[in-house]
């Protein structure tokens, strides 16, 4: 594991954390029981099989 040589300043740490933002997942249209539902790509198979409820 990498070990820092110097202590990172508080302002540098907080500015780095402040810039990070979560992005919205890309949604894919899936047809379930004649209805088109937008779900994340990793859940398409589970929604088609009925393992996950598509709201």
PDB file of N, CA and C in Angstrom:
ATOM      1  N   UNK A   1       0.837  -1.186   0.000  1.00  0.00           N
ATOM      2  CA  UNK A   1       0.000   0.000   0.000  1.00  0.00           C
ATOM      3  C   UNK A   1       0.880   1.248   0.000  1.00  0.00           C
ATOM      4  N   UNK A   2       0.485   2.259  -0.734  1.00  0.00           N
ATOM      5  CA  UNK A   2       1.263   3.487  -0.830  1.00  0.00           C
ATOM      6  C   UNK A   2       1.169   4.289   0.460  1.00  0.00           C
ATOM      7  N   UNK A   3       2.313   4.830   0.873  1.00  0.00           N
ATOM      8  CA  UNK A   3       2.374   5.641   2.086  1.00  0.00           C
ATOM      9  C   UNK A   3       2.839   7.029   1.684  1.00  0.00           C
ATOM     10  N   UNK A   4       2.101   8.077   2.060  1.00  0.00           N
ATOM     11  CA  UNK A   4       2.507   9.432   1.682  1.00  0.00           C
ATOM     12  C   UNK A   4       3.790   9.857   2.402  1.00  0.00           C
ATOM     13  N   UNK A   5       4.637  10.607   1.704  1.00  0.00           N
ATOM     14  CA  UNK A   5       5.880  11.082   2.318  1.00  0.00           C
ATOM     15  C   UNK A   5       5.637  12.278   3.225  1.00  0.00           C
ATOM     16  N   UNK A   6       4.622  13.078   2.861  1.00  0.00           N
ATOM     17  CA  UNK A   6       4.332  14.281   3.649  1.00  0.00           C
ATOM     18  C   UNK A   6       2.851  14.336   3.994  1.00  0.00           C
ATOM     19  N   UNK A   7       2.560  15.086   5.043  1.00  0.00           N
ATOM     20  CA  UNK A   7       1.167  15.268   5.442  1.00  0.00           C
ATOM     21  C   UNK A   7       0.482  16.212   4.451  1.00  0.00           C
ATOM     22  N   UNK A   8      -0.715  15.861   4.035  1.00  0.00           N
ATOM     23  CA  UNK A   8      -1.486  16.702   3.123  1.00  0.00           C
ATOM     24  C   UNK A   8      -2.202  17.773   3.931  1.00  0.00           C
ATOM     25  N   UNK A   9      -2.141  18.998   3.450  1.00  0.00           N
ATOM     26  CA  UNK A   9      -2.771  20.093   4.181  1.00  0.00           C
ATOM     27  C   UNK A   9      -4.288  19.942   4.201  1.00  0.00           C
ATOM     28  N   UNK A  10      -4.899  20.546   5.170  1.00  0.00           N
ATOM     29  CA  UNK A  10      -6.354  20.460   5.318  1.00  0.00           C
ATOM     30  C   UNK A  10      -7.073  21.101   4.140  1.00  0.00           C
ATOM     31  N   UNK A  11      -6.573  22.229   3.658  1.00  0.00           N
ATOM     32  CA  UNK A  11      -7.240  22.900   2.538  1.00  0.00           C
ATOM     33  C   UNK A  11      -7.131  22.075   1.254  1.00  0.00           C
ATOM     34  N   UNK A  12      -5.994  21.429   1.044  1.00  0.00           N
ATOM     35  CA  UNK A  12      -5.820  20.597  -0.142  1.00  0.00           C
ATOM     36  C   UNK A  12      -6.754  19.391  -0.101  1.00  0.00           C
ATOM     37  N   UNK A  13      -6.868  18.771   1.059  1.00  0.00           N
ATOM     38  CA  UNK A  13      -7.735  17.607   1.218  1.00  0.00           C
ATOM     39  C   UNK A  13      -9.196  17.990   1.015  1.00  0.00           C
ATOM     40  N   UNK A  14      -9.609  19.059   1.628  1.00  0.00           N
ATOM     41  CA  UNK A  14     -11.022  19.452   1.543  1.00  0.00           C
ATOM     42  C   UNK A  14     -11.400  19.941   0.159  1.00  0.00           C
ATOM     43  N   UNK A  15     -10.479  20.616  -0.532  1.00  0.00           N
ATOM     44  CA  UNK A  15     -10.809  21.069  -1.885  1.00  0.00           C
ATOM     45  C   UNK A  15     -10.922  19.874  -2.831  1.00  0.00           C
ATOM     46  N   UNK A  16     -10.110  18.845  -2.631  1.00  0.00           N
ATOM     47  CA  UNK A  16     -10.199  17.645  -3.458  1.00  0.00           C
ATOM     48  C   UNK A  16     -11.521  16.936  -3.210  1.00  0.00           C
ATOM     49  N   UNK A  17     -11.922  16.832  -1.966  1.00  0.00           N
ATOM     50  CA  UNK A  17     -13.185  16.170  -1.637  1.00  0.00           C
ATOM     51  C   UNK A  17     -14.388  16.962  -2.123  1.00  0.00           C
ATOM     52  N   UNK A  18     -14.278  18.290  -2.147  1.00  0.00           N
ATOM     53  CA  UNK A  18     -15.398  19.137  -2.556  1.00  0.00           C
ATOM     54  C   UNK A  18     -15.665  19.033  -4.061  1.00  0.00           C
ATOM     55  N   UNK A  19     -14.611  18.763  -4.852  1.00  0.00           N
ATOM     56  CA  UNK A  19     -14.785  18.673  -6.307  1.00  0.00           C
ATOM     57  C   UNK A  19     -15.459  17.384  -6.740  1.00  0.00           C
ATOM     58  N   UNK A  20     -15.338  16.327  -5.942  1.00  0.00           N
ATOM     59  CA  UNK A  20     -15.884  15.030  -6.331  1.00  0.00           C
ATOM     60  C   UNK A  20     -17.408  15.063  -6.271  1.00  0.00           C
ATOM     61  N   UNK A  21     -18.057  14.606  -7.334  1.00  0.00           N
ATOM     62  CA  UNK A  21     -19.510  14.512  -7.339  1.00  0.00           C
ATOM     63  C   UNK A  21     -19.916  13.191  -7.983  1.00  0.00           C
ATOM     64  N   UNK A  22     -20.980  12.625  -7.498  1.00  0.00           N
ATOM     65  CA  UNK A  22     -21.490  11.381  -8.072  1.00  0.00           C
ATOM     66  C   UNK A  22     -22.207  11.699  -9.377  1.00  0.00           C
ATOM     67  N   UNK A  23     -22.047  10.842 -10.353  1.00  0.00           N
ATOM     68  CA  UNK A  23     -22.727  11.044 -11.631  1.00  0.00           C
ATOM     69  C   UNK A  23     -23.937  10.116 -11.716  1.00  0.00           C
ATOM     70  N   UNK A  24     -24.909  10.535 -12.471  1.00  0.00           N
ATOM     71  CA  UNK A  24     -26.108   9.717 -12.638  1.00  0.00           C
ATOM     72  C   UNK A  24     -25.787   8.483 -13.469  1.00  0.00           C
ATOM     73  N   UNK A  25     -26.362   7.336 -13.114  1.00  0.00           N
ATOM     74  CA  UNK A  25     -26.092   6.142 -13.927  1.00  0.00           C
ATOM     75  C   UNK A  25     -26.794   6.238 -15.277  1.00  0.00           C
ATOM     76  N   UNK A  26     -26.153   5.696 -16.283  1.00  0.00           N
ATOM     77  CA  UNK A  26     -26.765   5.657 -17.614  1.00  0.00           C
ATOM     78  C   UNK A  26     -27.932   4.664 -17.565  1.00  0.00           C
ATOM     79  N   UNK A  27     -29.097   5.066 -18.059  1.00  0.00           N
ATOM     80  CA  UNK A  27     -30.273   4.207 -18.003  1.00  0.00           C
ATOM     81  C   UNK A  27     -30.572   3.608 -19.368  1.00  0.00           C
ATOM     82  N   UNK A  28     -31.015   2.359 -19.344  1.00  0.00           N
ATOM     83  CA  UNK A  28     -31.312   1.616 -20.569  1.00  0.00           C
ATOM     84  C   UNK A  28     -32.796   1.267 -20.578  1.00  0.00           C
ATOM     85  N   UNK A  29     -33.497   1.484 -21.684  1.00  0.00           N
ATOM     86  CA  UNK A  29     -34.909   1.114 -21.737  1.00  0.00           C
ATOM     87  C   UNK A  29     -35.088  -0.404 -21.806  1.00  0.00           C
ATOM     88  N   UNK A  30     -35.976  -0.943 -20.949  1.00  0.00           N
ATOM     89  CA  UNK A  30     -36.285  -2.374 -20.926  1.00  0.00           C
ATOM     90  C   UNK A  30     -37.805  -2.526 -20.965  1.00  0.00           C
ATOM     91  N   UNK A  31     -38.302  -3.408 -21.808  1.00  0.00           N
ATOM     92  CA  UNK A  31     -39.739  -3.641 -21.909  1.00  0.00           C
ATOM     93  C   UNK A  31     -40.120  -4.776 -20.959  1.00  0.00           C
ATOM     94  N   UNK A  32     -40.987  -4.457 -19.983  1.00  0.00           N
ATOM     95  CA  UNK A  32     -41.455  -5.441 -19.009  1.00  0.00           C
ATOM     96  C   UNK A  32     -42.978  -5.413 -19.009  1.00  0.00           C
ATOM     97  N   UNK A  33     -43.590  -6.506 -19.360  1.00  0.00           N
ATOM     98  CA  UNK A  33     -45.050  -6.640 -19.396  1.00  0.00           C
ATOM     99  C   UNK A  33     -45.694  -5.541 -20.239  1.00  0.00           C
ATOM    100  N   UNK A  34     -45.106  -5.261 -21.396  1.00  0.00           N
ATOM    101  CA  UNK A  34     -45.645  -4.259 -22.308  1.00  0.00           C
ATOM    102  C   UNK A  34     -45.369  -2.828 -21.902  1.00  0.00           C
ATOM    103  N   UNK A  35     -44.585  -2.619 -20.875  1.00  0.00           N
ATOM    104  CA  UNK A  35     -44.246  -1.288 -20.382  1.00  0.00           C
ATOM    105  C   UNK A  35     -42.756  -1.051 -20.537  1.00  0.00           C
ATOM    106  N   UNK A  36     -42.375   0.132 -20.962  1.00  0.00           N
ATOM    107  CA  UNK A  36     -40.961   0.472 -21.080  1.00  0.00           C
ATOM    108  C   UNK A  36     -40.493   1.106 -19.781  1.00  0.00           C
ATOM    109  N   UNK A  37     -39.430   0.514 -19.214  1.00  0.00           N
ATOM    110  CA  UNK A  37     -38.886   0.984 -17.939  1.00  0.00           C
ATOM    111  C   UNK A  37     -37.418   1.309 -18.135  1.00  0.00           C
ATOM    112  N   UNK A  38     -36.948   2.409 -17.542  1.00  0.00           N
ATOM    113  CA  UNK A  38     -35.539   2.776 -17.613  1.00  0.00           C
ATOM    114  C   UNK A  38     -34.820   2.240 -16.380  1.00  0.00           C
ATOM    115  N   UNK A  39     -33.813   1.411 -16.592  1.00  0.00           N
ATOM    116  CA  UNK A  39     -33.045   0.822 -15.492  1.00  0.00           C
ATOM    117  C   UNK A  39     -31.552   0.893 -15.817  1.00  0.00           C
ATOM    118  N   UNK A  40     -30.682   0.825 -14.799  1.00  0.00           N
ATOM    119  CA  UNK A  40     -29.247   0.766 -15.061  1.00  0.00           C
ATOM    120  C   UNK A  40     -28.887  -0.504 -15.825  1.00  0.00           C
ATOM    121  N   UNK A  41     -27.850  -0.472 -16.652  1.00  0.00           N
ATOM    122  CA  UNK A  41     -27.500  -1.630 -17.473  1.00  0.00           C
ATOM    123  C   UNK A  41     -27.243  -2.901 -16.680  1.00  0.00           C
ATOM    124  N   UNK A  42     -26.694  -2.796 -15.482  1.00  0.00           N
ATOM    125  CA  UNK A  42     -26.381  -4.004 -14.715  1.00  0.00           C
ATOM    126  C   UNK A  42     -27.613  -4.680 -14.137  1.00  0.00           C
ATOM    127  N   UNK A  43     -28.767  -4.011 -14.169  1.00  0.00           N
ATOM    128  CA  UNK A  43     -29.995  -4.599 -13.626  1.00  0.00           C
ATOM    129  C   UNK A  43     -30.964  -5.079 -14.696  1.00  0.00           C
ATOM    130  N   UNK A  44     -30.608  -4.938 -15.963  1.00  0.00           N
ATOM    131  CA  UNK A  44     -31.549  -5.305 -17.032  1.00  0.00           C
ATOM    132  C   UNK A  44     -31.964  -6.769 -16.965  1.00  0.00           C
ATOM    133  N   UNK A  45     -31.015  -7.660 -16.747  1.00  0.00           N
ATOM    134  CA  UNK A  45     -31.322  -9.090 -16.715  1.00  0.00           C
ATOM    135  C   UNK A  45     -32.226  -9.429 -15.525  1.00  0.00           C
ATOM    136  N   UNK A  46     -31.965  -8.830 -14.376  1.00  0.00           N
ATOM    137  CA  UNK A  46     -32.766  -9.104 -13.189  1.00  0.00           C
ATOM    138  C   UNK A  46     -34.187  -8.570 -13.340  1.00  0.00           C
ATOM    139  N   UNK A  47     -34.347  -7.420 -13.996  1.00  0.00           N
ATOM    140  CA  UNK A  47     -35.679  -6.843 -14.208  1.00  0.00           C
ATOM    141  C   UNK A  47     -36.470  -7.702 -15.174  1.00  0.00           C
ATOM    142  N   UNK A  48     -35.823  -8.177 -16.239  1.00  0.00           N
ATOM    143  CA  UNK A  48     -36.523  -9.044 -17.203  1.00  0.00           C
ATOM    144  C   UNK A  48     -36.995 -10.340 -16.572  1.00  0.00           C
ATOM    145  N   UNK A  49     -36.206 -10.877 -15.672  1.00  0.00           N
ATOM    146  CA  UNK A  49     -36.564 -12.139 -15.016  1.00  0.00           C
ATOM    147  C   UNK A  49     -37.574 -11.961 -13.894  1.00  0.00           C
ATOM    148  N   UNK A  50     -37.781 -10.718 -13.463  1.00  0.00           N
ATOM    149  CA  UNK A  50     -38.731 -10.440 -12.393  1.00  0.00           C
ATOM    150  C   UNK A  50     -38.120 -10.526 -11.005  1.00  0.00           C
ATOM    151  N   UNK A  51     -36.808 -10.551 -10.915  1.00  0.00           N
ATOM    152  CA  UNK A  51     -36.138 -10.622  -9.611  1.00  0.00           C
ATOM    153  C   UNK A  51     -36.113  -9.267  -8.912  1.00  0.00           C
ATOM    154  N   UNK A  52     -36.144  -8.190  -9.712  1.00  0.00           N
ATOM    155  CA  UNK A  52     -36.156  -6.843  -9.181  1.00  0.00           C
ATOM    156  C   UNK A  52     -37.419  -6.150  -9.659  1.00  0.00           C
ATOM    157  N   UNK A  53     -38.123  -5.496  -8.745  1.00  0.00           N
ATOM    158  CA  UNK A  53     -39.351  -4.795  -9.107  1.00  0.00           C
ATOM    159  C   UNK A  53     -39.026  -3.541  -9.904  1.00  0.00           C
ATOM    160  N   UNK A  54     -39.643  -3.398 -11.063  1.00  0.00           N
ATOM    161  CA  UNK A  54     -39.452  -2.209 -11.903  1.00  0.00           C
ATOM    162  C   UNK A  54     -40.598  -1.238 -11.619  1.00  0.00           C
ATOM    163  N   UNK A  55     -40.244  -0.127 -11.010  1.00  0.00           N
ATOM    164  CA  UNK A  55     -41.285   0.863 -10.645  1.00  0.00           C
ATOM    165  C   UNK A  55     -41.567   1.801 -11.774  1.00  0.00           C
TER     166      UNK A  55
END
